[in-house]
C-alpha atoms as a PDB file:
ATOM      1  CA  MET A   1      -7.719  17.019  13.071  1.00  0.00           C
ATOM      2  CA  ALA A   2      -7.207  20.845  13.151  1.00  0.00           C
ATOM      3  CA  ASN A   3     -10.051  22.946  14.617  1.00  0.00           C
ATOM      4  CA  TYR A   4     -10.122  25.443  11.744  1.00  0.00           C
ATOM      5  CA  PRO A   5      -9.424  25.592   8.275  1.00  0.00           C
ATOM      6  CA  GLN A   6      -6.599  27.772   6.657  1.00  0.00           C
ATOM      7  CA  TYR A   7      -6.273  29.495   3.018  1.00  0.00           C
ATOM      8  CA  ASP A   8      -4.152  27.618   0.783  1.00  0.00           C
ATOM      9  CA  ARG A   9      -0.724  28.424   2.254  1.00  0.00           C
ATOM     10  CA  LEU A  10       1.015  26.795  -0.549  1.00  0.00           C
ATOM     11  CA  GLN A  11      -0.695  28.923  -3.325  1.00  0.00           C
ATOM     12  CA  PRO A  12       2.263  31.552  -3.326  1.00  0.00           C
ATOM     13  CA  VAL A  13       4.588  28.643  -3.999  1.00  0.00           C
ATOM     14  CA  PHE A  14       2.346  27.287  -7.029  1.00  0.00           C
ATOM     15  CA  ILE A  15       2.389  30.759  -8.117  1.00  0.00           C
ATOM     16  CA  LEU A  16       5.998  31.122  -7.886  1.00  0.00           C
ATOM     17  CA  LEU A  17       6.586  27.608  -9.531  1.00  0.00           C
ATOM     18  CA  ASN A  18       4.329  28.197 -12.318  1.00  0.00           C
ATOM     19  CA  LEU A  19       6.142  31.166 -13.265  1.00  0.00           C
ATOM     20  CA  ILE A  20       9.540  30.271 -13.132  1.00  0.00           C
ATOM     21  CA  VAL A  21       9.331  26.839 -14.410  1.00  0.00           C
ATOM     22  CA  GLY A  22       6.462  27.853 -16.985  1.00  0.00           C
ATOM     23  CA  VAL A  23       8.787  30.567 -18.503  1.00  0.00           C
ATOM     24  CA  GLY A  24      11.811  28.247 -18.168  1.00  0.00           C
ATOM     25  CA  ILE A  25      10.129  25.403 -20.196  1.00  0.00           C
ATOM     26  CA  ALA A  26       8.651  27.844 -22.816  1.00  0.00           C
ATOM     27  CA  LEU A  27      11.997  29.213 -23.406  1.00  0.00           C
ATOM     28  CA  MET A  28      13.513  25.713 -23.614  1.00  0.00           C
ATOM     29  CA  PHE A  29      10.789  24.502 -26.201  1.00  0.00           C
ATOM     30  CA  HIS A  30      11.147  27.938 -28.203  1.00  0.00           C
ATOM     31  CA  ASN A  31      15.093  27.079 -28.598  1.00  0.00           C
ATOM     32  CA  MET A  32      15.047  23.573 -29.560  1.00  0.00           C
ATOM     33  CA  ARG A  33      16.184  23.181 -32.881  1.00  0.00           C
ATOM     34  CA  SER A  34      14.141  20.175 -33.797  1.00  0.00           C
ATOM     35  CA  LYS A  35      10.395  21.565 -34.020  1.00  0.00           C
ATOM     36  CA  LEU A  36       9.089  18.100 -34.076  1.00  0.00           C
ATOM     37  CA  LEU A  37      10.871  16.977 -31.204  1.00  0.00           C
ATOM     38  CA  ALA A  38       9.574  20.327 -29.531  1.00  0.00           C
ATOM     39  CA  LYS A  39       5.922  19.467 -30.748  1.00  0.00           C
ATOM     40  CA  PHE A  40       6.420  15.948 -28.799  1.00  0.00           C
ATOM     41  CA  HIS A  41       7.512  17.279 -25.779  1.00  0.00           C
ATOM     42  CA  GLN A  42       4.967  19.989 -25.618  1.00  0.00           C
ATOM     43  CA  THR A  43       2.247  17.432 -26.192  1.00  0.00           C
ATOM     44  CA  THR A  44       3.955  15.274 -23.461  1.00  0.00           C
ATOM     45  CA  MET A  45       3.927  18.138 -20.991  1.00  0.00           C
ATOM     46  CA  PHE A  46       0.236  19.295 -21.875  1.00  0.00           C
ATOM     47  CA  LEU A  47      -0.964  15.690 -21.203  1.00  0.00           C
ATOM     48  CA  PRO A  48      -1.191  15.628 -17.569  1.00  0.00           C
ATOM     49  CA  TYR A  49      -3.555  18.902 -17.411  1.00  0.00           C
ATOM     50  CA  PHE A  50      -6.196  16.646 -18.931  1.00  0.00           C
ATOM     51  CA  LEU A  51      -6.008  13.930 -16.465  1.00  0.00           C
ATOM     52  CA  SER A  52      -8.467  13.796 -13.464  1.00  0.00           C
ATOM     53  CA  MET A  53      -7.010  14.457 -10.200  1.00  0.00           C
ATOM     54  CA  ILE A  54      -8.623  10.932  -9.252  1.00  0.00           C
ATOM     55  CA  ILE A  55      -6.335   9.497 -11.658  1.00  0.00           C
ATOM     56  CA  VAL A  56      -3.392  11.617 -10.375  1.00  0.00           C
ATOM     57  CA  SER A  57      -4.062  10.572  -6.884  1.00  0.00           C
ATOM     58  CA  TYR A  58      -3.714   6.999  -7.877  1.00  0.00           C
ATOM     59  CA  LEU A  59      -0.415   7.778  -9.553  1.00  0.00           C
ATOM     60  CA  VAL A  60       0.933   9.590  -6.550  1.00  0.00           C
ATOM     61  CA  TYR A  61      -0.314   6.678  -4.196  1.00  0.00           C
ATOM     62  CA  GLY A  62       1.648   4.236  -6.458  1.00  0.00           C
ATOM     63  CA  PHE A  63       4.670   6.212  -5.521  1.00  0.00           C
ATOM     64  CA  LEU A  64       4.145   6.655  -1.857  1.00  0.00           C
ATOM     65  CA  ASN A  65       2.339   3.532  -1.004  1.00  0.00           C
ATOM     66  CA  PRO A  66       3.919   2.589   2.338  1.00  0.00           C
ATOM     67  CA  ASP A  67       4.142  -1.176   1.297  1.00  0.00           C
ATOM     68  CA  ILE A  68       4.618  -1.326  -2.331  1.00  0.00           C
ATOM     69  CA  GLY A  69       5.164   2.281  -3.450  1.00  0.00           C
ATOM     70  CA  VAL A  70       8.278   3.240  -5.569  1.00  0.00           C
ATOM     71  CA  MET A  71       9.678   5.637  -2.854  1.00  0.00           C
ATOM     72  CA  ASN A  72       9.780   3.077  -0.147  1.00  0.00           C
ATOM     73  CA  LYS A  73      10.688  -0.011  -2.126  1.00  0.00           C
ATOM     74  CA  SER A  74      13.259   1.319  -4.607  1.00  0.00           C
ATOM     75  CA  PHE A  75      14.215   4.963  -4.162  1.00  0.00           C
ATOM     76  CA  LEU A  76      14.767   5.420  -0.325  1.00  0.00           C
ATOM     77  CA  PRO A  77      16.801   2.077  -0.050  1.00  0.00           C
ATOM     78  CA  MET A  78      19.324   3.683  -2.319  1.00  0.00           C
ATOM     79  CA  PHE A  79      20.209   6.183   0.468  1.00  0.00           C
ATOM     80  CA  GLY A  80      20.168   3.509   3.216  1.00  0.00           C
ATOM     81  CA  ASN A  81      16.598   4.255   4.453  1.00  0.00           C
ATOM     82  CA  ASP A  82      15.294   0.524   4.196  1.00  0.00           C
ATOM     83  CA  GLU A  83      12.219   1.241   6.724  1.00  0.00           C
ATOM     84  CA  GLY A  84      10.637   3.663   4.503  1.00  0.00           C
ATOM     85  CA  VAL A  85       8.346   6.547   5.483  1.00  0.00           C
ATOM     86  CA  MET A  86       4.690   6.588   6.105  1.00  0.00           C
ATOM     87  CA  TRP A  87       3.831   9.354   3.878  1.00  0.00           C
ATOM     88  CA  TYR A  88      -0.074   9.545   4.638  1.00  0.00           C
ATOM     89  CA  SER A  89       0.791   9.672   8.306  1.00  0.00           C
ATOM     90  CA  ASP A  90       3.712  12.219   8.404  1.00  0.00           C
ATOM     91  CA  PRO A  91       2.233  15.690   7.329  1.00  0.00           C
ATOM     92  CA  LYS A  92       5.629  17.350   7.381  1.00  0.00           C
ATOM     93  CA  TRP A  93       6.467  16.214   3.675  1.00  0.00           C
ATOM     94  CA  TRP A  94       3.280  17.452   1.990  1.00  0.00           C
ATOM     95  CA  PRO A  95       4.423  20.714   1.764  1.00  0.00           C
ATOM     96  CA  LEU A  96       6.811  19.433  -0.547  1.00  0.00           C
ATOM     97  CA  ILE A  97       4.851  16.873  -2.235  1.00  0.00           C
ATOM     98  CA  LEU A  98       1.826  18.825  -3.197  1.00  0.00           C
ATOM     99  CA  PRO A  99       3.943  21.701  -4.936  1.00  0.00           C
ATOM    100  CA  ILE A 100       5.387  18.731  -7.012  1.00  0.00           C
ATOM    101  CA  VAL A 101       2.234  17.422  -7.802  1.00  0.00           C
ATOM    102  CA  ASN A 102       0.566  20.643  -8.805  1.00  0.00           C
ATOM    103  CA  THR A 103       3.493  21.901 -11.046  1.00  0.00           C
ATOM    104  CA  TRP A 104       3.588  18.475 -12.911  1.00  0.00           C
ATOM    105  CA  LYS A 105      -0.054  18.578 -13.629  1.00  0.00           C
ATOM    106  CA  PHE A 106      -0.307  22.330 -14.554  1.00  0.00           C
ATOM    107  CA  ILE A 107       2.851  23.600 -15.925  1.00  0.00           C
ATOM    108  CA  GLY A 108       2.063  22.584 -19.325  1.00  0.00           C
ATOM    109  CA  TYR A 109      -0.803  24.781 -19.272  1.00  0.00           C
ATOM    110  CA  TYR A 110       0.946  27.641 -18.267  1.00  0.00           C
ATOM    111  CA  ALA A 111       3.922  26.900 -20.497  1.00  0.00           C
ATOM    112  CA  VAL A 112       1.547  26.751 -23.694  1.00  0.00           C
ATOM    113  CA  PHE A 113       0.622  30.560 -22.561  1.00  0.00           C
ATOM    114  CA  TYR A 114       4.246  31.789 -22.361  1.00  0.00           C
ATOM    115  CA  LEU A 115       5.316  29.827 -25.259  1.00  0.00           C
ATOM    116  CA  ALA A 116       2.614  31.420 -27.439  1.00  0.00           C
ATOM    117  CA  ALA A 117       3.686  35.067 -26.113  1.00  0.00           C
ATOM    118  CA  ILE A 118       7.379  34.277 -27.092  1.00  0.00           C
ATOM    119  CA  ILE A 119       6.407  33.066 -30.521  1.00  0.00           C
ATOM    120  CA  GLY A 120       4.380  36.290 -31.199  1.00  0.00           C
ATOM    121  CA  ILE A 121       8.039  38.356 -30.585  1.00  0.00           C
ATOM    122  CA  ASP A 122       9.396  39.644 -33.604  1.00  0.00           C
ATOM    123  CA  ASN A 123      12.744  37.899 -34.908  1.00  0.00           C
ATOM    124  CA  GLU A 124      14.198  41.281 -35.834  1.00  0.00           C
ATOM    125  CA  TYR A 125      14.777  41.973 -32.112  1.00  0.00           C
ATOM    126  CA  TYR A 126      16.944  38.755 -31.478  1.00  0.00           C
ATOM    127  CA  GLU A 127      18.878  39.291 -35.013  1.00  0.00           C
ATOM    128  CA  ALA A 128      19.746  42.806 -34.039  1.00  0.00           C
ATOM    129  CA  ALA A 129      21.126  41.784 -30.579  1.00  0.00           C
ATOM    130  CA  HIS A 130      23.002  38.903 -32.159  1.00  0.00           C
ATOM    131  CA  ILE A 131      24.701  41.298 -34.438  1.00  0.00           C
ATOM    132  CA  ASP A 132      25.656  43.444 -31.334  1.00  0.00           C
ATOM    133  CA  GLY A 133      27.110  40.156 -29.868  1.00  0.00           C
ATOM    134  CA  ALA A 134      24.601  39.603 -27.256  1.00  0.00           C
ATOM    135  CA  SER A 135      24.427  36.052 -25.646  1.00  0.00           C
ATOM    136  CA  LYS A 136      21.452  33.947 -25.430  1.00  0.00           C
ATOM    137  CA  TRP A 137      21.119  34.748 -21.626  1.00  0.00           C
ATOM    138  CA  ARG A 138      21.292  38.475 -22.351  1.00  0.00           C
ATOM    139  CA  GLN A 139      18.591  37.920 -25.129  1.00  0.00           C
ATOM    140  CA  VAL A 140      16.473  36.321 -22.408  1.00  0.00           C
ATOM    141  CA  TRP A 141      16.734  39.134 -20.019  1.00  0.00           C
ATOM    142  CA  SER A 142      16.855  41.934 -22.256  1.00  0.00           C
ATOM    143  CA  ILE A 143      14.142  40.995 -24.993  1.00  0.00           C
ATOM    144  CA  THR A 144      12.134  38.138 -24.292  1.00  0.00           C
ATOM    145  CA  VAL A 145      11.393  38.738 -20.376  1.00  0.00           C
ATOM    146  CA  PRO A 146      10.534  42.299 -21.171  1.00  0.00           C
ATOM    147  CA  LEU A 147       8.203  41.523 -24.001  1.00  0.00           C
ATOM    148  CA  ILE A 148       6.205  38.952 -22.456  1.00  0.00           C
ATOM    149  CA  ARG A 149       5.731  40.689 -19.092  1.00  0.00           C
ATOM    150  CA  PRO A 150       2.327  41.497 -19.725  1.00  0.00           C
ATOM    151  CA  VAL A 151       1.374  37.942 -20.159  1.00  0.00           C
ATOM    152  CA  ILE A 152       3.284  37.088 -16.940  1.00  0.00           C
ATOM    153  CA  ILE A 153       1.614  39.915 -14.893  1.00  0.00           C
ATOM    154  CA  ILE A 154      -1.864  38.799 -16.026  1.00  0.00           C
ATOM    155  CA  LEU A 155      -1.557  34.999 -15.345  1.00  0.00           C
ATOM    156  CA  THR A 156      -0.051  36.013 -11.851  1.00  0.00           C
ATOM    157  CA  LEU A 157      -2.807  38.470 -11.110  1.00  0.00           C
ATOM    158  CA  LEU A 158      -5.431  35.827 -11.827  1.00  0.00           C
ATOM    159  CA  GLN A 159      -3.597  33.179  -9.714  1.00  0.00           C
ATOM    160  CA  ILE A 160      -3.558  35.799  -6.768  1.00  0.00           C
ATOM    161  CA  GLY A 161      -7.225  35.956  -7.092  1.00  0.00           C
ATOM    162  CA  ARG A 162      -7.565  32.383  -6.383  1.00  0.00           C
ATOM    163  CA  ILE A 163      -5.043  32.319  -2.950  1.00  0.00           C
ATOM    164  CA  PHE A 164      -7.852  31.700  -0.849  1.00  0.00           C
ATOM    165  CA  TYR A 165      -9.503  28.908  -3.340  1.00  0.00           C
ATOM    166  CA  ALA A 166      -7.704  25.792  -3.745  1.00  0.00           C
ATOM    167  CA  ASP A 167      -7.621  22.731  -6.011  1.00  0.00           C
ATOM    168  CA  PHE A 168     -10.356  20.570  -4.203  1.00  0.00           C
ATOM    169  CA  GLY A 169      -9.008  17.654  -5.671  1.00  0.00           C
ATOM    170  CA  LEU A 170      -5.170  18.174  -5.000  1.00  0.00           C
ATOM    171  CA  PHE A 171      -6.140  18.690  -1.184  1.00  0.00           C
ATOM    172  CA  PHE A 172      -8.693  16.189  -0.876  1.00  0.00           C
ATOM    173  CA  GLN A 173      -7.919  13.238  -3.475  1.00  0.00           C
ATOM    174  CA  VAL A 174      -4.257  13.368  -3.587  1.00  0.00           C
ATOM    175  CA  THR A 175      -3.961  13.106   0.092  1.00  0.00           C
ATOM    176  CA  GLN A 176      -6.340  10.522   0.454  1.00  0.00           C
ATOM    177  CA  ASN A 177      -8.274  12.502   2.693  1.00  0.00           C
ATOM    178  CA  ALA A 178      -5.915  11.289   5.503  1.00  0.00           C
ATOM    179  CA  GLY A 179      -6.856  12.930   8.885  1.00  0.00           C
ATOM    180  CA  ALA A 180      -3.167  12.811  10.013  1.00  0.00           C
ATOM    181  CA  LEU A 181      -2.457  15.254   7.318  1.00  0.00           C
ATOM    182  CA  TYR A 182      -5.102  17.808   8.242  1.00  0.00           C
ATOM    183  CA  ASP A 183      -2.656  20.236  10.034  1.00  0.00           C
ATOM    184  CA  LYS A 184      -1.130  20.596   6.535  1.00  0.00           C
ATOM    185  CA  THR A 185      -3.987  19.983   4.098  1.00  0.00           C
ATOM    186  CA  LEU A 186      -7.225  21.025   5.573  1.00  0.00           C
ATOM    187  CA  ILE A 187      -8.148  24.049   3.713  1.00  0.00           C
ATOM    188  CA  ILE A 188     -11.488  26.198   3.215  1.00  0.00           C
ATOM    189  CA  ASP A 189     -12.772  24.093   0.677  1.00  0.00           C
ATOM    190  CA  THR A 190     -12.241  20.703   2.308  1.00  0.00           C
ATOM    191  CA  TYR A 191     -13.124  22.160   5.522  1.00  0.00           C
ATOM    192  CA  VAL A 192     -16.657  23.014   3.920  1.00  0.00           C
ATOM    193  CA  TYR A 193     -17.164  19.824   2.251  1.00  0.00           C
ATOM    194  CA  GLN A 194     -16.539  17.704   5.253  1.00  0.00           C
ATOM    195  CA  GLY A 195     -18.671  20.150   7.432  1.00  0.00           C
ATOM    196  CA  PHE A 196     -21.440  19.891   4.694  1.00  0.00           C
ATOM    197  CA  LEU A 197     -21.309  16.086   4.978  1.00  0.00           C
ATOM    198  CA  VAL A 198     -21.399  15.963   8.711  1.00  0.00           C
ATOM    199  CA  SER A 199     -23.994  18.514   9.458  1.00  0.00           C
ATOM    200  CA  GLY A 200     -25.575  19.576   6.040  1.00  0.00           C
ATOM    201  CA  ASP A 201     -25.112  23.446   6.943  1.00  0.00           C
ATOM    202  CA  ILE A 202     -25.683  24.730   3.473  1.00  0.00           C
ATOM    203  CA  GLY A 203     -25.402  28.290   5.067  1.00  0.00           C
ATOM    204  CA  MET A 204     -21.928  27.887   6.098  1.00  0.00           C
ATOM    205  CA  SER A 205     -20.811  26.454   2.622  1.00  0.00           C
ATOM    206  CA  SER A 206     -22.505  29.388   0.985  1.00  0.00           C
ATOM    207  CA  ALA A 207     -20.796  31.958   3.585  1.00  0.00           C
ATOM    208  CA  ALA A 208     -17.651  30.462   2.741  1.00  0.00           C
ATOM    209  CA  GLY A 209     -17.872  30.626  -0.832  1.00  0.00           C
ATOM    210  CA  LEU A 210     -19.060  34.216  -0.718  1.00  0.00           C
ATOM    211  CA  TYR A 211     -16.020  35.076   1.496  1.00  0.00           C
ATOM    212  CA  GLN A 212     -13.923  33.543  -1.033  1.00  0.00           C
ATOM    213  CA  ALA A 213     -15.130  35.421  -3.919  1.00  0.00           C
ATOM    214  CA  VAL A 214     -14.894  38.801  -1.930  1.00  0.00           C
ATOM    215  CA  VAL A 215     -11.323  38.443  -0.774  1.00  0.00           C
ATOM    216  CA  GLY A 216     -10.216  37.024  -4.199  1.00  0.00           C
ATOM    217  CA  PHE A 217     -11.867  40.238  -5.952  1.00  0.00           C
ATOM    218  CA  VAL A 218     -10.356  42.487  -3.151  1.00  0.00           C
ATOM    219  CA  LEU A 219      -6.684  40.762  -3.807  1.00  0.00           C
ATOM    220  CA  VAL A 220      -7.153  41.260  -7.573  1.00  0.00           C
ATOM    221  CA  LEU A 221      -8.070  44.935  -7.263  1.00  0.00           C
ATOM    222  CA  SER A 222      -5.222  45.241  -4.725  1.00  0.00           C
ATOM    223  CA  SER A 223      -2.582  43.643  -6.864  1.00  0.00           C
ATOM    224  CA  ASN A 224      -3.761  45.274  -9.980  1.00  0.00           C
ATOM    225  CA  LEU A 225      -3.360  48.612  -8.097  1.00  0.00           C
ATOM    226  CA  ILE A 226       0.112  47.817  -7.299  1.00  0.00           C
ATOM    227  CA  VAL A 227       1.122  47.000 -10.786  1.00  0.00           C
ATOM    228  CA  ARG A 228      -0.653  50.117 -12.280  1.00  0.00           C
ATOM    229  CA  ARG A 229       1.509  52.401  -9.843  1.00  0.00           C
ATOM    230  CA  ILE A 230       4.598  50.725 -11.023  1.00  0.00           C
ATOM    231  CA  SER A 231       3.910  50.366 -14.799  1.00  0.00           C
ATOM    232  CA  LYS A 232       0.224  51.656 -15.762  1.00  0.00           C
ATOM    233  CA  GLU A 233       0.843  49.950 -19.378  1.00  0.00           C
ATOM    234  CA  ASP A 234       0.973  46.394 -17.584  1.00  0.00           C
ATOM    235  CA  ALA A 235      -1.962  46.638 -15.482  1.00  0.00           C
ATOM    236  CA  LEU A 236      -5.274  44.878 -16.257  1.00  0.00           C
ATOM    237  CA  PHE A 237      -7.354  48.045 -16.082  1.00  0.00           C
END
């Protein structure tokens, strides 16, 4: 077990994936010809957001179970690995697994925001671009992305403020609280929880919460200041 907690080192990866994949999916939904099919896919992708992280942990366990999991029994043998992987004993895989799980669960939530921003764009911009011969990709880069930039910046700044927080369920439930994974999964939230169970130190828990709040506040202010210097109109305040 690691001797000290770390901030969520994967949070920048989460933020980047939520941005790129979220905008990409929103664009895909917006350009689907069948609106009924688009609504179906939106509902399907938004559903994981409402699932408890405990349920998600069991779904992940169904894939990664060393004895009967889908990965060891069906997927890895296709590539010549018949021995499988002890997923809950080998920490090197979890910096890849956790972003995949986090993106699957929350991407529908962020895609809804981006899709709402895209829908609010006046179609006259696209019609004028089409008349000028602009391709779909050119319309995306020259019209869609610049016009939804304020939404992108706001959501990114809010996520930056939570870099020193983490989804407790993701790092505690999904990893099954496996001690062998602490090198990659022990963060402030899980460390405080475990320390409270062992020692009952309420002061440490309170201090950690205050530390996270103060640092998050400073990060939001700093990020907003940088955005304000680049583009005053896009800043939060």
